[in-house]
Amino acid sequence: MNSVIHTNNAPAAVGPYSQGIKAGNTIYVSGQLAINPATGELYKGGDIKEETRMSLMNVKAILEEAGATLMDVVKCTVFIKDMNQFGLINEAYAEVFQDTKPARVCVEVARLPKDGNVEIDAIAVV
């Protein structure tokens, strides 16, 4: 049976979807922007590394609500607005995923919700 994952420690969905779904021992985390969960505001500080970290902290909060950690992540998809920032995004990503390096896809997209610069989703197995 599938269960919806919801936490106030990550931003509310910006559309008709769940923050995450747990299906058996697999957790699917919806794409997370760098939105402050307390304010609902998108980070606009101009620092792509900080924006990447914030996106991943939102992923982490959803995983924790489901009883998982970043160590349980097996795959991420990273959507970025500007491939020229790939190196900086990788630096922040590597800081967060220090002990484990999940499989990953990274693609440049024309536009992200709320005009974000990076959005990250994840699949974890517990």
N, C-alpha and C. Protein backbone atom coordinates (compact mmCIF):
# COMPACT_ATOMS: atom_id res chain seq x y z
N MET A 1 0.84 -1.19 0.00
CA MET A 1 0.00 0.00 0.00
C MET A 1 0.88 1.25 0.00
N ASN A 2 0.50 2.23 -0.75
CA ASN A 2 1.24 3.48 -0.83
C ASN A 2 0.80 4.43 0.28
N SER A 3 1.75 5.21 0.78
CA SER A 3 1.39 6.22 1.78
C SER A 3 2.00 7.56 1.39
N VAL A 4 1.23 8.60 1.63
CA VAL A 4 1.65 9.96 1.33
C VAL A 4 2.59 10.43 2.44
N ILE A 5 3.67 11.09 2.04
CA ILE A 5 4.61 11.66 2.99
C ILE A 5 4.37 13.17 3.02
N HIS A 6 4.22 13.70 4.22
CA HIS A 6 4.06 15.15 4.38
C HIS A 6 4.78 15.60 5.64
N THR A 7 5.54 16.66 5.52
CA THR A 7 6.20 17.27 6.66
C THR A 7 6.15 18.78 6.53
N ASN A 8 6.04 19.45 7.67
CA ASN A 8 6.11 20.92 7.68
C ASN A 8 7.55 21.40 7.60
N ASN A 9 8.51 20.47 7.65
CA ASN A 9 9.93 20.82 7.59
C ASN A 9 10.44 20.94 6.15
N ALA A 10 9.54 20.77 5.19
CA ALA A 10 9.84 20.98 3.78
C ALA A 10 8.70 21.81 3.21
N PRO A 11 8.94 22.49 2.09
CA PRO A 11 7.89 23.33 1.53
C PRO A 11 6.67 22.52 1.09
N ALA A 12 5.53 23.15 1.21
CA ALA A 12 4.30 22.54 0.69
C ALA A 12 4.41 22.43 -0.82
N ALA A 13 3.72 21.47 -1.39
CA ALA A 13 3.72 21.29 -2.83
C ALA A 13 3.19 22.56 -3.51
N VAL A 14 3.78 22.90 -4.66
CA VAL A 14 3.33 24.08 -5.40
C VAL A 14 2.36 23.69 -6.51
N GLY A 15 1.83 22.49 -6.41
CA GLY A 15 0.87 22.00 -7.39
C GLY A 15 0.13 20.80 -6.83
N PRO A 16 -0.62 20.11 -7.68
CA PRO A 16 -1.42 18.97 -7.23
C PRO A 16 -0.59 17.67 -7.14
N TYR A 17 0.32 17.64 -6.18
CA TYR A 17 1.16 16.46 -5.96
C TYR A 17 1.56 16.39 -4.50
N SER A 18 2.13 15.28 -4.11
CA SER A 18 2.59 15.07 -2.73
C SER A 18 4.08 15.38 -2.62
N GLN A 19 4.53 15.74 -1.42
CA GLN A 19 5.97 15.93 -1.20
C GLN A 19 6.70 14.63 -1.49
N GLY A 20 6.06 13.53 -1.13
CA GLY A 20 6.66 12.24 -1.38
C GLY A 20 5.63 11.13 -1.25
N ILE A 21 6.00 9.97 -1.73
CA ILE A 21 5.16 8.78 -1.64
C ILE A 21 6.06 7.63 -1.21
N LYS A 22 5.59 6.85 -0.25
CA LYS A 22 6.28 5.63 0.13
C LYS A 22 5.48 4.46 -0.43
N ALA A 23 6.13 3.66 -1.26
CA ALA A 23 5.51 2.48 -1.87
C ALA A 23 6.36 1.28 -1.48
N GLY A 24 5.87 0.49 -0.54
CA GLY A 24 6.67 -0.62 -0.04
C GLY A 24 7.90 -0.08 0.66
N ASN A 25 9.07 -0.53 0.23
CA ASN A 25 10.30 -0.03 0.85
C ASN A 25 10.98 1.05 0.00
N THR A 26 10.25 1.61 -0.96
CA THR A 26 10.79 2.66 -1.83
C THR A 26 10.10 3.98 -1.55
N ILE A 27 10.91 5.03 -1.47
CA ILE A 27 10.40 6.38 -1.22
C ILE A 27 10.71 7.23 -2.45
N TYR A 28 9.69 7.89 -2.95
CA TYR A 28 9.82 8.79 -4.10
C TYR A 28 9.61 10.22 -3.59
N VAL A 29 10.64 11.03 -3.66
CA VAL A 29 10.55 12.42 -3.22
C VAL A 29 10.35 13.31 -4.44
N SER A 30 9.29 14.09 -4.44
CA SER A 30 9.02 15.01 -5.54
C SER A 30 10.12 16.06 -5.63
N GLY A 31 10.26 16.64 -6.81
CA GLY A 31 11.27 17.67 -7.03
C GLY A 31 11.17 18.79 -6.01
N GLN A 32 12.31 19.15 -5.45
CA GLN A 32 12.37 20.19 -4.43
C GLN A 32 13.17 21.38 -4.91
N LEU A 33 12.54 22.53 -4.83
CA LEU A 33 13.20 23.80 -5.11
C LEU A 33 13.85 24.31 -3.83
N ALA A 34 14.57 25.39 -3.93
CA ALA A 34 15.18 26.01 -2.76
C ALA A 34 14.18 26.95 -2.09
N ILE A 35 13.12 26.36 -1.59
CA ILE A 35 12.07 27.13 -0.91
C ILE A 35 12.24 26.96 0.59
N ASN A 36 12.21 28.06 1.30
CA ASN A 36 12.26 28.03 2.75
C ASN A 36 10.92 27.51 3.26
N PRO A 37 10.92 26.37 3.98
CA PRO A 37 9.65 25.81 4.42
C PRO A 37 8.90 26.70 5.41
N ALA A 38 9.64 27.50 6.16
CA ALA A 38 9.00 28.37 7.15
C ALA A 38 8.25 29.53 6.52
N THR A 39 8.78 30.05 5.40
CA THR A 39 8.19 31.23 4.78
C THR A 39 7.46 30.94 3.47
N GLY A 40 7.81 29.81 2.85
CA GLY A 40 7.24 29.49 1.54
C GLY A 40 7.87 30.29 0.41
N GLU A 41 8.94 31.02 0.73
CA GLU A 41 9.60 31.87 -0.27
C GLU A 41 10.77 31.15 -0.93
N LEU A 42 10.91 31.34 -2.23
CA LEU A 42 12.03 30.81 -2.98
C LEU A 42 13.28 31.61 -2.65
N TYR A 43 14.38 30.93 -2.44
CA TYR A 43 15.67 31.58 -2.20
C TYR A 43 16.06 32.38 -3.44
N LYS A 44 16.37 33.64 -3.26
CA LYS A 44 16.76 34.51 -4.37
C LYS A 44 18.08 35.21 -4.08
N GLY A 45 19.00 34.52 -3.39
CA GLY A 45 20.25 35.15 -2.98
C GLY A 45 21.33 35.17 -4.04
N GLY A 46 21.10 34.48 -5.17
CA GLY A 46 22.10 34.52 -6.23
C GLY A 46 23.24 33.54 -6.06
N ASP A 47 23.23 32.71 -5.03
CA ASP A 47 24.29 31.73 -4.77
C ASP A 47 23.77 30.34 -5.12
N ILE A 48 24.19 29.80 -6.27
CA ILE A 48 23.65 28.52 -6.74
C ILE A 48 24.03 27.39 -5.80
N LYS A 49 25.17 27.48 -5.14
CA LYS A 49 25.54 26.44 -4.18
C LYS A 49 24.57 26.43 -3.00
N GLU A 50 24.22 27.60 -2.51
CA GLU A 50 23.26 27.68 -1.40
C GLU A 50 21.88 27.19 -1.86
N GLU A 51 21.51 27.54 -3.05
CA GLU A 51 20.23 27.10 -3.59
C GLU A 51 20.19 25.57 -3.71
N THR A 52 21.29 24.98 -4.15
CA THR A 52 21.39 23.52 -4.27
C THR A 52 21.29 22.87 -2.89
N ARG A 53 22.02 23.42 -1.92
CA ARG A 53 21.98 22.88 -0.55
C ARG A 53 20.56 22.95 0.01
N MET A 54 19.88 24.07 -0.21
CA MET A 54 18.51 24.22 0.31
C MET A 54 17.57 23.20 -0.34
N SER A 55 17.72 22.98 -1.63
CA SER A 55 16.90 21.97 -2.31
C SER A 55 17.13 20.59 -1.68
N LEU A 56 18.39 20.27 -1.44
CA LEU A 56 18.72 18.97 -0.86
C LEU A 56 18.27 18.86 0.60
N MET A 57 18.28 19.96 1.34
CA MET A 57 17.79 19.91 2.72
C MET A 57 16.28 19.65 2.74
N ASN A 58 15.58 20.14 1.74
CA ASN A 58 14.15 19.84 1.62
C ASN A 58 13.93 18.36 1.29
N VAL A 59 14.76 17.82 0.41
CA VAL A 59 14.70 16.38 0.13
C VAL A 59 14.95 15.60 1.41
N LYS A 60 15.98 16.01 2.15
CA LYS A 60 16.35 15.33 3.40
C LYS A 60 15.19 15.34 4.41
N ALA A 61 14.52 16.47 4.54
CA ALA A 61 13.40 16.58 5.50
C ALA A 61 12.27 15.62 5.14
N ILE A 62 11.99 15.48 3.87
CA ILE A 62 10.92 14.57 3.42
C ILE A 62 11.34 13.12 3.67
N LEU A 63 12.59 12.80 3.37
CA LEU A 63 13.09 11.46 3.65
C LEU A 63 12.99 11.13 5.13
N GLU A 64 13.39 12.08 5.97
CA GLU A 64 13.34 11.85 7.42
C GLU A 64 11.92 11.61 7.90
N GLU A 65 10.97 12.32 7.34
CA GLU A 65 9.56 12.11 7.70
C GLU A 65 9.14 10.67 7.38
N ALA A 66 9.74 10.09 6.35
CA ALA A 66 9.41 8.73 5.92
C ALA A 66 10.28 7.68 6.62
N GLY A 67 11.16 8.12 7.51
CA GLY A 67 12.01 7.18 8.23
C GLY A 67 13.28 6.80 7.48
N ALA A 68 13.71 7.65 6.56
CA ALA A 68 14.91 7.38 5.77
C ALA A 68 15.92 8.51 5.95
N THR A 69 17.10 8.32 5.36
CA THR A 69 18.14 9.34 5.38
C THR A 69 18.70 9.50 3.97
N LEU A 70 19.58 10.45 3.81
CA LEU A 70 20.24 10.63 2.52
C LEU A 70 21.06 9.41 2.14
N MET A 71 21.50 8.63 3.13
CA MET A 71 22.25 7.40 2.86
C MET A 71 21.40 6.37 2.12
N ASP A 72 20.08 6.50 2.21
CA ASP A 72 19.17 5.56 1.56
C ASP A 72 18.86 5.93 0.12
N VAL A 73 19.31 7.08 -0.32
CA VAL A 73 19.00 7.54 -1.68
C VAL A 73 19.79 6.72 -2.69
N VAL A 74 19.08 6.22 -3.70
CA VAL A 74 19.72 5.44 -4.76
C VAL A 74 19.79 6.20 -6.07
N LYS A 75 18.95 7.22 -6.24
CA LYS A 75 18.96 7.99 -7.49
C LYS A 75 18.38 9.38 -7.27
N CYS A 76 18.99 10.36 -7.91
CA CYS A 76 18.49 11.73 -7.93
C CYS A 76 18.39 12.20 -9.38
N THR A 77 17.49 13.13 -9.60
CA THR A 77 17.46 13.87 -10.85
C THR A 77 17.63 15.34 -10.49
N VAL A 78 18.58 15.99 -11.15
CA VAL A 78 18.86 17.40 -10.90
C VAL A 78 18.50 18.17 -12.16
N PHE A 79 17.58 19.09 -12.00
CA PHE A 79 17.17 19.96 -13.11
C PHE A 79 17.78 21.33 -12.85
N ILE A 80 18.53 21.85 -13.82
CA ILE A 80 19.16 23.15 -13.62
C ILE A 80 18.83 24.08 -14.78
N LYS A 81 18.82 25.34 -14.46
CA LYS A 81 18.46 26.36 -15.45
C LYS A 81 19.65 26.74 -16.33
N ASP A 82 20.88 26.57 -15.79
CA ASP A 82 22.06 27.03 -16.52
C ASP A 82 23.20 26.01 -16.34
N MET A 83 23.51 25.26 -17.39
CA MET A 83 24.57 24.25 -17.32
C MET A 83 25.93 24.86 -17.01
N ASN A 84 26.09 26.16 -17.20
CA ASN A 84 27.34 26.82 -16.84
C ASN A 84 27.58 26.79 -15.33
N GLN A 85 26.54 26.51 -14.54
CA GLN A 85 26.66 26.44 -13.09
C GLN A 85 26.84 25.00 -12.60
N PHE A 86 27.01 24.08 -13.54
CA PHE A 86 27.13 22.66 -13.23
C PHE A 86 28.21 22.38 -12.18
N GLY A 87 29.37 22.98 -12.32
CA GLY A 87 30.48 22.76 -11.39
C GLY A 87 30.14 23.19 -9.97
N LEU A 88 29.52 24.36 -9.83
CA LEU A 88 29.14 24.85 -8.49
C LEU A 88 28.05 23.98 -7.88
N ILE A 89 27.11 23.56 -8.71
CA ILE A 89 26.05 22.67 -8.23
C ILE A 89 26.66 21.36 -7.75
N ASN A 90 27.61 20.82 -8.51
CA ASN A 90 28.29 19.59 -8.11
C ASN A 90 29.02 19.75 -6.78
N GLU A 91 29.64 20.90 -6.55
CA GLU A 91 30.34 21.14 -5.29
C GLU A 91 29.37 21.05 -4.11
N ALA A 92 28.24 21.71 -4.21
CA ALA A 92 27.25 21.68 -3.12
C ALA A 92 26.67 20.28 -2.97
N TYR A 93 26.38 19.63 -4.09
CA TYR A 93 25.83 18.27 -4.08
C TYR A 93 26.79 17.32 -3.37
N ALA A 94 28.08 17.43 -3.68
CA ALA A 94 29.09 16.56 -3.06
C ALA A 94 29.24 16.84 -1.56
N GLU A 95 29.03 18.07 -1.14
CA GLU A 95 29.08 18.40 0.29
C GLU A 95 27.96 17.69 1.05
N VAL A 96 26.80 17.57 0.42
CA VAL A 96 25.65 16.94 1.07
C VAL A 96 25.75 15.42 0.99
N PHE A 97 26.10 14.89 -0.17
CA PHE A 97 26.24 13.44 -0.35
C PHE A 97 27.70 13.05 -0.17
N GLN A 98 28.21 13.20 1.05
CA GLN A 98 29.62 12.90 1.31
C GLN A 98 29.90 11.41 1.36
N ASP A 99 29.05 10.65 2.02
CA ASP A 99 29.32 9.24 2.27
C ASP A 99 28.76 8.31 1.21
N THR A 100 27.84 8.78 0.44
CA THR A 100 27.23 7.94 -0.58
C THR A 100 27.03 8.79 -1.83
N LYS A 101 27.18 8.18 -2.94
CA LYS A 101 27.00 8.88 -4.21
C LYS A 101 25.93 8.14 -5.01
N PRO A 102 24.66 8.56 -4.87
CA PRO A 102 23.60 7.88 -5.62
C PRO A 102 23.74 8.08 -7.12
N ALA A 103 23.12 7.20 -7.88
CA ALA A 103 23.04 7.40 -9.32
C ALA A 103 22.35 8.74 -9.56
N ARG A 104 22.64 9.37 -10.70
CA ARG A 104 22.10 10.71 -10.89
C ARG A 104 21.96 11.05 -12.36
N VAL A 105 20.98 11.88 -12.64
CA VAL A 105 20.82 12.52 -13.94
C VAL A 105 20.82 14.02 -13.68
N CYS A 106 21.46 14.77 -14.56
CA CYS A 106 21.44 16.23 -14.46
C CYS A 106 21.13 16.78 -15.85
N VAL A 107 20.07 17.57 -15.93
CA VAL A 107 19.69 18.13 -17.22
C VAL A 107 19.43 19.63 -17.08
N GLU A 108 19.74 20.35 -18.15
CA GLU A 108 19.40 21.77 -18.22
C GLU A 108 18.00 21.89 -18.78
N VAL A 109 17.20 22.75 -18.16
CA VAL A 109 15.83 22.96 -18.59
C VAL A 109 15.61 24.45 -18.88
N ALA A 110 14.60 24.74 -19.67
CA ALA A 110 14.32 26.12 -20.03
C ALA A 110 13.80 26.93 -18.85
N ARG A 111 12.99 26.29 -18.00
CA ARG A 111 12.39 27.03 -16.89
C ARG A 111 11.95 26.05 -15.82
N LEU A 112 12.02 26.49 -14.58
CA LEU A 112 11.57 25.70 -13.43
C LEU A 112 10.44 26.44 -12.73
N PRO A 113 9.63 25.73 -11.95
CA PRO A 113 8.57 26.40 -11.21
C PRO A 113 9.13 27.55 -10.34
N LYS A 114 8.36 28.59 -10.21
CA LYS A 114 8.73 29.78 -9.43
C LYS A 114 10.02 30.43 -9.91
N ASP A 115 10.43 30.09 -11.13
CA ASP A 115 11.68 30.59 -11.71
C ASP A 115 12.91 30.23 -10.88
N GLY A 116 12.86 29.05 -10.26
CA GLY A 116 14.02 28.56 -9.54
C GLY A 116 15.17 28.24 -10.49
N ASN A 117 16.35 28.04 -9.92
CA ASN A 117 17.53 27.72 -10.72
C ASN A 117 17.91 26.26 -10.64
N VAL A 118 17.42 25.56 -9.61
CA VAL A 118 17.72 24.14 -9.44
C VAL A 118 16.54 23.46 -8.76
N GLU A 119 16.24 22.25 -9.20
CA GLU A 119 15.21 21.42 -8.59
C GLU A 119 15.74 19.99 -8.55
N ILE A 120 15.56 19.32 -7.41
CA ILE A 120 16.13 17.99 -7.23
C ILE A 120 15.06 17.05 -6.69
N ASP A 121 14.93 15.88 -7.32
CA ASP A 121 14.07 14.83 -6.79
C ASP A 121 14.94 13.65 -6.38
N ALA A 122 14.35 12.69 -5.69
CA ALA A 122 15.14 11.55 -5.20
C ALA A 122 14.29 10.30 -5.09
N ILE A 123 14.95 9.16 -5.20
CA ILE A 123 14.37 7.86 -4.93
C ILE A 123 15.25 7.21 -3.87
N ALA A 124 14.63 6.71 -2.81
CA ALA A 124 15.36 6.05 -1.74
C ALA A 124 14.76 4.68 -1.49
N VAL A 125 15.58 3.77 -1.02
CA VAL A 125 15.12 2.43 -0.66
C VAL A 125 15.53 2.17 0.78
N VAL A 126 14.56 1.74 1.58
CA VAL A 126 14.82 1.45 3.01
C VAL A 126 14.53 0.00 3.31
